[in-house]
């Protein structure tokens, strides 16, 4: 969908600071308006019409999710996704690739761009797009929760992959048990 490039100022539609931020990269004004109506009130939406500009906004603003057309002026949508995945700052941002060209090879290429990439054909039903966005955000939040748990375990002297005490955690536990044994006048044995 290559319409004439029309400069569009970023639009913030609805929501509070807690509302998920959606970056839409779409050069077709009708599709951008449909996506805006579909997501209004549930998400803060910013729309850009150029692939390079969208990549720059994604790097600067770190949105919660990116929706993008497969064919964009300035930089192809698939190239934008590849660039996002190549950067540590943007690699984990979920992406929904939107295209009116449902060729199987394009779908496969999109899905091979890493985790967190989904595909939505055009035309689409608003309820389906909302469901894809919500599912992608829920998966991202689950990934963040797992990472928070790993950090907590790491700081608690536990190996994040097994949950067992690591060397530091074991040493701390031996000190605790030794102090407890002394306090209660008991013997302590460490068996290997």
N, C-alpha and C. Protein backbone atom coordinates (compact mmCIF):
# COMPACT_ATOMS: atom_id res chain seq x y z
N UNK A 1 0.84 -1.16 0.00
CA UNK A 1 0.00 0.00 0.00
C UNK A 1 0.88 1.22 0.00
N UNK A 2 1.13 1.78 -1.17
CA UNK A 2 1.99 2.94 -1.26
C UNK A 2 1.19 4.13 -1.73
N UNK A 3 0.72 4.93 -0.80
CA UNK A 3 0.03 6.17 -1.11
C UNK A 3 1.07 7.28 -1.10
N UNK A 4 0.67 8.45 -1.53
CA UNK A 4 1.60 9.58 -1.50
C UNK A 4 2.02 9.86 -0.08
N UNK A 5 3.30 10.21 0.07
CA UNK A 5 3.81 10.52 1.41
C UNK A 5 3.23 11.84 1.88
N UNK A 6 2.53 11.77 2.98
CA UNK A 6 1.95 12.97 3.56
C UNK A 6 2.53 13.11 4.95
N UNK A 7 3.19 14.25 5.26
CA UNK A 7 3.73 14.39 6.60
C UNK A 7 2.60 14.38 7.63
N UNK A 8 2.75 13.57 8.61
CA UNK A 8 1.74 13.44 9.65
C UNK A 8 2.42 13.62 10.99
N UNK A 9 1.91 14.51 11.78
CA UNK A 9 2.44 14.69 13.13
C UNK A 9 2.00 13.51 13.96
N UNK A 10 2.84 13.08 14.90
CA UNK A 10 2.43 11.97 15.76
C UNK A 10 1.14 12.30 16.48
N UNK A 11 0.24 11.35 16.53
CA UNK A 11 -1.02 11.57 17.21
C UNK A 11 -1.06 10.73 18.47
N UNK A 12 -1.47 11.34 19.53
CA UNK A 12 -1.66 10.59 20.76
C UNK A 12 -3.16 10.44 20.93
N UNK A 13 -3.64 9.23 20.91
CA UNK A 13 -5.08 9.02 21.02
C UNK A 13 -5.39 8.28 22.29
N UNK A 14 -6.05 8.98 23.16
CA UNK A 14 -6.59 8.36 24.36
C UNK A 14 -5.58 7.83 25.33
N UNK A 15 -6.05 7.51 26.53
CA UNK A 15 -5.25 6.78 27.49
C UNK A 15 -4.49 7.63 28.47
N UNK A 16 -4.04 6.97 29.51
CA UNK A 16 -3.23 7.60 30.55
C UNK A 16 -1.79 7.14 30.38
N UNK A 17 -0.94 7.55 31.32
CA UNK A 17 0.47 7.16 31.25
C UNK A 17 0.62 5.64 31.38
N UNK A 18 -0.35 4.96 31.98
CA UNK A 18 -0.30 3.51 32.15
C UNK A 18 -0.79 2.75 30.91
N UNK A 19 -1.44 3.45 30.00
CA UNK A 19 -1.99 2.83 28.80
C UNK A 19 -0.87 2.41 27.87
N UNK A 20 -0.91 1.18 27.36
CA UNK A 20 0.16 0.72 26.44
C UNK A 20 0.31 1.64 25.23
N UNK A 21 1.55 1.86 24.84
CA UNK A 21 1.88 2.72 23.71
C UNK A 21 2.06 1.89 22.45
N UNK A 22 1.33 2.27 21.40
CA UNK A 22 1.38 1.58 20.11
C UNK A 22 1.99 2.53 19.09
N UNK A 23 3.00 2.04 18.37
CA UNK A 23 3.56 2.79 17.25
C UNK A 23 3.06 2.13 15.98
N UNK A 24 2.37 2.90 15.15
CA UNK A 24 1.83 2.41 13.88
C UNK A 24 2.65 2.99 12.74
N UNK A 25 3.21 2.12 11.91
CA UNK A 25 3.93 2.53 10.71
C UNK A 25 3.05 2.14 9.53
N UNK A 26 2.35 3.11 8.98
CA UNK A 26 1.38 2.84 7.91
C UNK A 26 1.30 4.05 7.00
N UNK A 27 1.54 3.85 5.70
CA UNK A 27 1.51 4.96 4.74
C UNK A 27 0.13 5.17 4.13
N UNK A 28 -0.78 4.24 4.28
CA UNK A 28 -2.12 4.37 3.72
C UNK A 28 -3.02 5.04 4.76
N UNK A 29 -3.55 6.21 4.40
CA UNK A 29 -4.36 7.00 5.34
C UNK A 29 -5.61 6.26 5.79
N UNK A 30 -6.27 5.52 4.90
CA UNK A 30 -7.49 4.80 5.28
C UNK A 30 -7.19 3.70 6.29
N UNK A 31 -6.12 2.94 6.05
CA UNK A 31 -5.75 1.88 6.99
C UNK A 31 -5.35 2.48 8.33
N UNK A 32 -4.58 3.57 8.31
CA UNK A 32 -4.17 4.23 9.56
C UNK A 32 -5.39 4.69 10.34
N UNK A 33 -6.39 5.23 9.64
CA UNK A 33 -7.62 5.69 10.31
C UNK A 33 -8.39 4.51 10.90
N UNK A 34 -8.45 3.39 10.18
CA UNK A 34 -9.14 2.20 10.69
C UNK A 34 -8.44 1.65 11.93
N UNK A 35 -7.12 1.58 11.89
CA UNK A 35 -6.37 1.10 13.06
C UNK A 35 -6.59 2.05 14.24
N UNK A 36 -6.56 3.34 13.97
CA UNK A 36 -6.78 4.33 15.02
C UNK A 36 -8.15 4.15 15.67
N UNK A 37 -9.19 3.99 14.84
CA UNK A 37 -10.54 3.76 15.39
C UNK A 37 -10.61 2.45 16.17
N UNK A 38 -9.92 1.43 15.67
CA UNK A 38 -9.94 0.11 16.30
C UNK A 38 -9.30 0.14 17.69
N UNK A 39 -8.24 0.91 17.84
CA UNK A 39 -7.47 0.90 19.09
C UNK A 39 -7.78 2.08 20.00
N UNK A 40 -8.59 3.02 19.54
CA UNK A 40 -8.90 4.22 20.31
C UNK A 40 -9.45 3.87 21.69
N UNK A 41 -8.98 4.57 22.68
CA UNK A 41 -9.46 4.40 24.04
C UNK A 41 -8.77 3.29 24.82
N UNK A 42 -8.14 2.38 24.12
CA UNK A 42 -7.46 1.26 24.79
C UNK A 42 -5.95 1.46 24.82
N UNK A 43 -5.43 2.20 23.85
CA UNK A 43 -3.99 2.35 23.69
C UNK A 43 -3.66 3.79 23.31
N UNK A 44 -2.44 4.22 23.60
CA UNK A 44 -1.93 5.50 23.10
C UNK A 44 -1.27 5.19 21.76
N UNK A 45 -1.75 5.81 20.72
CA UNK A 45 -1.32 5.50 19.36
C UNK A 45 -0.54 6.65 18.77
N UNK A 46 0.61 6.33 18.18
CA UNK A 46 1.40 7.29 17.42
C UNK A 46 1.55 6.71 16.02
N UNK A 47 1.29 7.52 15.00
CA UNK A 47 1.34 7.05 13.62
C UNK A 47 2.43 7.77 12.86
N UNK A 48 3.24 7.00 12.14
CA UNK A 48 4.22 7.56 11.20
C UNK A 48 4.02 6.85 9.87
N UNK A 49 4.42 7.51 8.79
CA UNK A 49 4.12 6.99 7.46
C UNK A 49 5.34 6.52 6.69
N UNK A 50 6.49 6.47 7.32
CA UNK A 50 7.73 6.14 6.64
C UNK A 50 8.52 5.14 7.48
N UNK A 51 9.12 4.14 6.82
CA UNK A 51 9.85 3.10 7.54
C UNK A 51 11.03 3.62 8.34
N UNK A 52 11.85 4.49 7.75
CA UNK A 52 13.02 5.04 8.46
C UNK A 52 12.60 5.88 9.65
N UNK A 53 11.57 6.71 9.45
CA UNK A 53 11.07 7.54 10.54
C UNK A 53 10.50 6.65 11.66
N UNK A 54 9.80 5.60 11.26
CA UNK A 54 9.24 4.69 12.25
C UNK A 54 10.31 3.99 13.07
N UNK A 55 11.39 3.57 12.41
CA UNK A 55 12.50 2.93 13.13
C UNK A 55 13.12 3.92 14.11
N UNK A 56 13.30 5.16 13.69
CA UNK A 56 13.85 6.18 14.59
C UNK A 56 12.93 6.41 15.78
N UNK A 57 11.61 6.47 15.54
CA UNK A 57 10.65 6.67 16.65
C UNK A 57 10.67 5.47 17.61
N UNK A 58 10.77 4.27 17.05
CA UNK A 58 10.80 3.07 17.90
C UNK A 58 12.04 3.11 18.80
N UNK A 59 13.16 3.51 18.25
CA UNK A 59 14.40 3.58 19.05
C UNK A 59 14.32 4.68 20.10
N UNK A 60 13.68 5.80 19.77
CA UNK A 60 13.59 6.93 20.69
C UNK A 60 12.52 6.75 21.76
N UNK A 61 11.37 6.19 21.39
CA UNK A 61 10.22 6.15 22.29
C UNK A 61 9.99 4.80 22.96
N UNK A 62 10.60 3.73 22.45
CA UNK A 62 10.41 2.37 22.98
C UNK A 62 8.93 2.07 23.26
N UNK A 63 8.12 1.97 22.19
CA UNK A 63 6.70 1.67 22.40
C UNK A 63 6.51 0.26 22.95
N UNK A 64 5.31 -0.01 23.44
CA UNK A 64 5.00 -1.33 23.98
C UNK A 64 4.77 -2.35 22.85
N UNK A 65 4.33 -1.87 21.70
CA UNK A 65 4.10 -2.73 20.53
C UNK A 65 4.18 -1.88 19.27
N UNK A 66 4.57 -2.52 18.17
CA UNK A 66 4.66 -1.83 16.89
C UNK A 66 3.79 -2.57 15.88
N UNK A 67 2.94 -1.82 15.19
CA UNK A 67 2.14 -2.35 14.08
C UNK A 67 2.71 -1.71 12.82
N UNK A 68 3.03 -2.52 11.81
CA UNK A 68 3.59 -1.90 10.63
C UNK A 68 3.19 -2.61 9.36
N UNK A 69 3.09 -1.80 8.32
CA UNK A 69 2.80 -2.29 6.98
C UNK A 69 4.05 -2.96 6.45
N UNK A 70 3.87 -3.97 5.61
CA UNK A 70 5.02 -4.67 5.04
C UNK A 70 5.72 -3.81 3.99
N UNK A 71 4.98 -2.95 3.31
CA UNK A 71 5.56 -2.12 2.26
C UNK A 71 5.41 -0.66 2.65
N UNK A 72 6.53 -0.02 2.98
CA UNK A 72 6.54 1.36 3.43
C UNK A 72 7.52 2.17 2.59
N UNK A 73 7.27 3.45 2.43
CA UNK A 73 8.28 4.29 1.80
C UNK A 73 9.47 4.47 2.75
N UNK A 74 10.63 4.70 2.19
CA UNK A 74 11.81 4.97 3.00
C UNK A 74 12.55 3.72 3.42
N UNK A 75 11.82 2.74 3.93
CA UNK A 75 12.43 1.48 4.39
C UNK A 75 11.31 0.44 4.46
N UNK A 76 11.52 -0.69 3.84
CA UNK A 76 10.55 -1.77 3.81
C UNK A 76 10.22 -2.24 5.23
N UNK A 77 8.97 -2.64 5.46
CA UNK A 77 8.55 -3.09 6.79
C UNK A 77 9.34 -4.27 7.31
N UNK A 78 9.67 -5.23 6.44
CA UNK A 78 10.46 -6.37 6.87
C UNK A 78 11.87 -5.94 7.28
N UNK A 79 12.43 -4.95 6.57
CA UNK A 79 13.74 -4.42 6.94
C UNK A 79 13.68 -3.69 8.28
N UNK A 80 12.57 -3.01 8.54
CA UNK A 80 12.38 -2.34 9.84
C UNK A 80 12.39 -3.38 10.95
N UNK A 81 11.66 -4.48 10.76
CA UNK A 81 11.62 -5.54 11.78
C UNK A 81 13.01 -6.13 12.00
N UNK A 82 13.74 -6.38 10.91
CA UNK A 82 15.09 -6.92 11.04
C UNK A 82 15.99 -5.95 11.81
N UNK A 83 15.87 -4.65 11.55
CA UNK A 83 16.66 -3.66 12.28
C UNK A 83 16.27 -3.59 13.75
N UNK A 84 14.98 -3.72 14.03
CA UNK A 84 14.52 -3.74 15.42
C UNK A 84 15.10 -4.93 16.17
N UNK A 85 15.09 -6.09 15.53
CA UNK A 85 15.59 -7.32 16.15
C UNK A 85 17.11 -7.30 16.33
N UNK A 86 17.80 -6.50 15.52
CA UNK A 86 19.26 -6.44 15.59
C UNK A 86 19.76 -5.55 16.73
N UNK A 87 18.89 -4.76 17.31
CA UNK A 87 19.28 -3.83 18.38
C UNK A 87 18.77 -4.34 19.73
N UNK A 88 19.64 -4.37 20.71
CA UNK A 88 19.26 -4.83 22.05
C UNK A 88 18.15 -3.98 22.65
N UNK A 89 18.11 -2.69 22.32
CA UNK A 89 17.11 -1.78 22.88
C UNK A 89 15.70 -2.03 22.34
N UNK A 90 15.60 -2.59 21.14
CA UNK A 90 14.28 -2.75 20.52
C UNK A 90 13.95 -4.21 20.19
N UNK A 91 14.84 -5.12 20.45
CA UNK A 91 14.65 -6.52 20.05
C UNK A 91 13.43 -7.18 20.68
N UNK A 92 13.06 -6.77 21.87
CA UNK A 92 11.96 -7.44 22.58
C UNK A 92 10.60 -6.80 22.32
N UNK A 93 10.55 -5.71 21.56
CA UNK A 93 9.26 -5.05 21.30
C UNK A 93 8.43 -5.94 20.37
N UNK A 94 7.21 -6.32 20.79
CA UNK A 94 6.36 -7.13 19.91
C UNK A 94 5.98 -6.35 18.65
N UNK A 95 5.87 -7.07 17.55
CA UNK A 95 5.56 -6.48 16.25
C UNK A 95 4.42 -7.26 15.61
N UNK A 96 3.46 -6.53 15.04
CA UNK A 96 2.43 -7.13 14.20
C UNK A 96 2.62 -6.55 12.81
N UNK A 97 3.00 -7.41 11.88
CA UNK A 97 3.21 -7.01 10.49
C UNK A 97 1.87 -7.08 9.78
N UNK A 98 1.47 -5.95 9.16
CA UNK A 98 0.18 -5.87 8.49
C UNK A 98 0.43 -5.76 6.99
N UNK A 99 -0.27 -6.58 6.20
CA UNK A 99 -0.04 -6.55 4.76
C UNK A 99 -1.28 -6.94 3.99
N UNK A 100 -1.45 -6.30 2.84
CA UNK A 100 -2.54 -6.68 1.95
C UNK A 100 -2.09 -7.71 0.92
N UNK A 101 -0.84 -8.13 1.03
CA UNK A 101 -0.27 -9.14 0.14
C UNK A 101 -0.04 -10.42 0.93
N UNK A 102 -1.04 -11.28 1.02
CA UNK A 102 -0.94 -12.46 1.89
C UNK A 102 -0.15 -13.62 1.28
N UNK A 103 0.91 -13.31 0.54
CA UNK A 103 1.71 -14.38 -0.06
C UNK A 103 2.34 -15.22 1.05
N UNK A 104 2.33 -16.50 0.86
CA UNK A 104 2.86 -17.42 1.87
C UNK A 104 4.32 -17.12 2.18
N UNK A 105 5.14 -16.83 1.19
CA UNK A 105 6.56 -16.57 1.44
C UNK A 105 6.75 -15.35 2.32
N UNK A 106 5.90 -14.33 2.14
CA UNK A 106 6.00 -13.13 2.98
C UNK A 106 5.64 -13.46 4.42
N UNK A 107 4.58 -14.24 4.60
CA UNK A 107 4.19 -14.64 5.96
C UNK A 107 5.32 -15.42 6.64
N UNK A 108 5.88 -16.37 5.91
CA UNK A 108 6.96 -17.16 6.48
C UNK A 108 8.16 -16.30 6.80
N UNK A 109 8.50 -15.37 5.90
CA UNK A 109 9.63 -14.49 6.16
C UNK A 109 9.36 -13.65 7.40
N UNK A 110 8.15 -13.15 7.53
CA UNK A 110 7.80 -12.34 8.69
C UNK A 110 7.92 -13.14 9.98
N UNK A 111 7.44 -14.35 9.95
CA UNK A 111 7.46 -15.17 11.16
C UNK A 111 8.86 -15.67 11.50
N UNK A 112 9.78 -15.67 10.54
CA UNK A 112 11.16 -16.08 10.80
C UNK A 112 12.02 -14.92 11.30
N UNK A 113 11.43 -13.76 11.51
CA UNK A 113 12.18 -12.62 12.00
C UNK A 113 12.32 -12.63 13.51
N UNK A 114 12.04 -13.73 14.13
CA UNK A 114 12.24 -13.85 15.57
C UNK A 114 10.93 -13.93 16.32
N UNK A 115 11.06 -14.11 17.63
CA UNK A 115 9.88 -14.18 18.47
C UNK A 115 9.27 -12.79 18.59
N UNK A 116 8.02 -12.75 18.90
CA UNK A 116 7.34 -11.48 19.09
C UNK A 116 6.90 -10.84 17.79
N UNK A 117 6.90 -11.59 16.68
CA UNK A 117 6.44 -11.07 15.40
C UNK A 117 5.19 -11.85 14.99
N UNK A 118 4.11 -11.12 14.74
CA UNK A 118 2.87 -11.73 14.31
C UNK A 118 2.50 -11.14 12.95
N UNK A 119 1.53 -11.73 12.29
CA UNK A 119 1.13 -11.31 10.95
C UNK A 119 -0.37 -11.09 10.93
N UNK A 120 -0.79 -9.96 10.34
CA UNK A 120 -2.20 -9.65 10.19
C UNK A 120 -2.45 -9.24 8.75
N UNK A 121 -3.31 -9.98 8.05
CA UNK A 121 -3.64 -9.63 6.67
C UNK A 121 -4.61 -8.47 6.59
N UNK A 122 -4.60 -7.78 5.44
CA UNK A 122 -5.56 -6.73 5.15
C UNK A 122 -6.48 -7.27 4.05
N UNK A 123 -7.74 -6.96 4.09
CA UNK A 123 -8.43 -6.23 5.16
C UNK A 123 -8.56 -7.11 6.40
N UNK A 124 -8.77 -6.47 7.52
CA UNK A 124 -8.86 -7.21 8.77
C UNK A 124 -10.11 -6.80 9.53
N UNK A 125 -10.53 -7.69 10.41
CA UNK A 125 -11.64 -7.38 11.30
C UNK A 125 -11.06 -6.67 12.53
N UNK A 126 -11.65 -5.56 12.95
CA UNK A 126 -11.12 -4.85 14.12
C UNK A 126 -10.95 -5.73 15.35
N UNK A 127 -11.89 -6.64 15.59
CA UNK A 127 -11.79 -7.50 16.76
C UNK A 127 -10.56 -8.40 16.67
N UNK A 128 -10.22 -8.85 15.46
CA UNK A 128 -9.04 -9.70 15.29
C UNK A 128 -7.76 -8.91 15.55
N UNK A 129 -7.68 -7.68 15.04
CA UNK A 129 -6.49 -6.86 15.28
C UNK A 129 -6.33 -6.58 16.77
N UNK A 130 -7.43 -6.21 17.44
CA UNK A 130 -7.36 -5.96 18.89
C UNK A 130 -6.88 -7.20 19.62
N UNK A 131 -7.37 -8.38 19.23
CA UNK A 131 -6.97 -9.63 19.88
C UNK A 131 -5.48 -9.89 19.67
N UNK A 132 -4.97 -9.64 18.47
CA UNK A 132 -3.54 -9.85 18.21
C UNK A 132 -2.69 -8.90 19.05
N UNK A 133 -3.11 -7.65 19.13
CA UNK A 133 -2.38 -6.66 19.92
C UNK A 133 -2.39 -7.07 21.39
N UNK A 134 -3.56 -7.42 21.89
CA UNK A 134 -3.67 -7.80 23.30
C UNK A 134 -2.84 -9.04 23.62
N UNK A 135 -2.89 -10.03 22.74
CA UNK A 135 -2.10 -11.26 22.96
C UNK A 135 -0.61 -10.96 22.96
N UNK A 136 -0.16 -10.14 22.03
CA UNK A 136 1.26 -9.79 21.96
C UNK A 136 1.70 -9.05 23.23
N UNK A 137 0.85 -8.15 23.72
CA UNK A 137 1.20 -7.42 24.95
C UNK A 137 1.19 -8.35 26.17
N UNK A 138 0.26 -9.29 26.21
CA UNK A 138 0.23 -10.25 27.33
C UNK A 138 1.47 -11.14 27.31
N UNK A 139 1.88 -11.60 26.13
CA UNK A 139 3.09 -12.42 26.03
C UNK A 139 4.32 -11.63 26.48
N UNK A 140 4.40 -10.36 26.07
CA UNK A 140 5.53 -9.53 26.47
C UNK A 140 5.56 -9.33 27.98
N UNK A 141 4.40 -9.12 28.57
CA UNK A 141 4.34 -8.95 30.03
C UNK A 141 4.74 -10.24 30.74
N UNK A 142 4.35 -11.38 30.21
CA UNK A 142 4.77 -12.66 30.80
C UNK A 142 6.29 -12.82 30.72
N UNK A 143 6.88 -12.43 29.59
CA UNK A 143 8.34 -12.48 29.45
C UNK A 143 9.02 -11.58 30.48
N UNK A 144 8.44 -10.40 30.68
CA UNK A 144 9.00 -9.47 31.69
C UNK A 144 8.90 -10.06 33.09
N UNK A 145 7.79 -10.72 33.39
CA UNK A 145 7.61 -11.33 34.72
C UNK A 145 8.65 -12.44 34.94
N UNK A 146 8.90 -13.24 33.93
CA UNK A 146 9.93 -14.29 34.04
C UNK A 146 11.29 -13.66 34.29
N UNK A 147 11.60 -12.61 33.57
CA UNK A 147 12.89 -11.94 33.76
C UNK A 147 13.01 -11.34 35.16
N UNK A 148 11.92 -10.74 35.65
CA UNK A 148 11.94 -10.21 37.04
C UNK A 148 12.18 -11.33 38.03
N UNK A 149 11.56 -12.49 37.82
CA UNK A 149 11.75 -13.64 38.71
C UNK A 149 13.20 -14.11 38.67
N UNK A 150 13.77 -14.15 37.49
CA UNK A 150 15.18 -14.55 37.37
C UNK A 150 16.09 -13.59 38.11
N UNK A 151 15.82 -12.30 38.01
CA UNK A 151 16.64 -11.32 38.72
C UNK A 151 16.50 -11.48 40.22
N UNK A 152 15.28 -11.71 40.68
CA UNK A 152 15.07 -11.91 42.12
C UNK A 152 15.81 -13.15 42.61
N UNK A 153 15.74 -14.23 41.85
CA UNK A 153 16.45 -15.45 42.24
C UNK A 153 17.96 -15.22 42.25
N UNK A 154 18.45 -14.49 41.27
CA UNK A 154 19.88 -14.22 41.19
C UNK A 154 20.34 -13.44 42.41
N UNK A 155 19.52 -12.46 42.83
CA UNK A 155 19.87 -11.65 43.99
C UNK A 155 19.64 -12.41 45.29
N UNK A 156 18.90 -13.47 45.25
CA UNK A 156 18.62 -14.26 46.46
C UNK A 156 19.63 -15.39 46.63
N UNK A 157 20.70 -15.42 45.84
CA UNK A 157 21.70 -16.47 45.95
C UNK A 157 21.25 -17.78 45.36
N UNK A 158 20.41 -17.71 44.34
CA UNK A 158 19.90 -18.91 43.69
C UNK A 158 20.22 -18.87 42.21
N UNK A 159 20.42 -20.03 41.65
CA UNK A 159 20.65 -20.15 40.22
C UNK A 159 19.32 -19.91 39.52
N UNK A 160 19.26 -18.92 38.60
CA UNK A 160 17.98 -18.60 37.97
C UNK A 160 17.41 -19.72 37.11
N UNK A 161 18.24 -20.58 36.57
CA UNK A 161 17.71 -21.64 35.70
C UNK A 161 17.18 -22.83 36.49
N UNK A 162 17.73 -23.10 37.69
CA UNK A 162 17.27 -24.26 38.47
C UNK A 162 16.54 -23.88 39.74
N UNK A 163 16.78 -22.67 40.24
CA UNK A 163 16.18 -22.26 41.51
C UNK A 163 16.94 -22.79 42.72
N UNK A 164 17.99 -23.58 42.49
CA UNK A 164 18.80 -24.12 43.59
C UNK A 164 19.77 -23.07 44.09
N UNK A 165 20.23 -23.24 45.33
CA UNK A 165 21.21 -22.31 45.88
C UNK A 165 22.48 -22.35 45.03
N UNK A 166 23.02 -21.16 44.73
CA UNK A 166 24.31 -21.12 44.06
C UNK A 166 25.39 -21.06 45.13
N UNK A 167 26.64 -20.91 44.74
CA UNK A 167 27.75 -20.94 45.70
C UNK A 167 27.58 -19.87 46.78
N UNK A 168 27.25 -18.67 46.36
CA UNK A 168 27.04 -17.58 47.32
C UNK A 168 25.86 -17.87 48.25
N UNK A 169 24.76 -18.37 47.68
CA UNK A 169 23.59 -18.69 48.48
C UNK A 169 23.87 -19.81 49.48
N UNK A 170 24.62 -20.83 49.03
CA UNK A 170 24.97 -21.94 49.92
C UNK A 170 25.87 -21.46 51.05
N UNK A 171 26.86 -20.62 50.75
CA UNK A 171 27.76 -20.10 51.79
C UNK A 171 26.97 -19.30 52.82
N UNK A 172 26.03 -18.49 52.36
CA UNK A 172 25.21 -17.71 53.29
C UNK A 172 24.34 -18.61 54.16
N UNK A 173 23.80 -19.66 53.55
CA UNK A 173 22.96 -20.58 54.30
C UNK A 173 23.75 -21.34 55.37
N UNK A 174 25.00 -21.74 55.06
CA UNK A 174 25.86 -22.43 56.03
C UNK A 174 26.14 -21.51 57.21
N UNK A 175 26.42 -20.24 56.93
CA UNK A 175 26.67 -19.27 58.01
C UNK A 175 25.44 -19.14 58.90
N UNK A 176 24.25 -19.03 58.28
CA UNK A 176 23.00 -18.93 59.05
C UNK A 176 22.79 -20.15 59.94
N UNK A 177 22.98 -21.34 59.37
CA UNK A 177 22.76 -22.58 60.12
C UNK A 177 23.80 -22.74 61.23
N UNK A 178 25.03 -22.33 60.96
CA UNK A 178 26.07 -22.41 61.99
C UNK A 178 25.70 -21.50 63.17
N UNK A 179 25.24 -20.28 62.88
CA UNK A 179 24.83 -19.35 63.94
C UNK A 179 23.64 -19.91 64.71
N UNK A 180 22.69 -20.52 64.02
CA UNK A 180 21.54 -21.10 64.68
C UNK A 180 21.96 -22.25 65.60
N UNK A 181 22.87 -23.11 65.13
CA UNK A 181 23.35 -24.24 65.93
C UNK A 181 24.04 -23.72 67.18
N UNK A 182 24.84 -22.68 67.05
CA UNK A 182 25.53 -22.12 68.22
C UNK A 182 24.53 -21.53 69.20
N UNK A 183 23.54 -20.81 68.70
CA UNK A 183 22.53 -20.20 69.57
C UNK A 183 21.78 -21.23 70.39
N UNK A 184 21.49 -22.37 69.81
CA UNK A 184 20.70 -23.40 70.48
C UNK A 184 21.55 -24.51 71.08
N UNK A 185 22.86 -24.34 71.03
CA UNK A 185 23.75 -25.35 71.58
C UNK A 185 23.67 -26.69 70.88
N UNK A 186 23.45 -26.71 69.61
CA UNK A 186 23.35 -27.95 68.85
C UNK A 186 24.56 -28.14 67.98
N UNK A 187 24.75 -29.37 67.53
CA UNK A 187 25.85 -29.68 66.63
C UNK A 187 25.37 -29.48 65.20
N UNK A 188 26.32 -29.20 64.33
CA UNK A 188 26.00 -28.98 62.93
C UNK A 188 26.92 -29.85 62.09
N UNK A 189 26.37 -30.54 61.13
CA UNK A 189 27.16 -31.38 60.25
C UNK A 189 26.87 -30.95 58.80
N UNK A 190 27.91 -30.90 58.02
CA UNK A 190 27.78 -30.61 56.60
C UNK A 190 28.25 -31.83 55.84
N UNK A 191 27.33 -32.46 55.12
CA UNK A 191 27.64 -33.69 54.42
C UNK A 191 27.72 -33.39 52.92
N UNK A 192 28.73 -33.90 52.31
CA UNK A 192 28.91 -33.68 50.88
C UNK A 192 28.54 -34.91 50.10
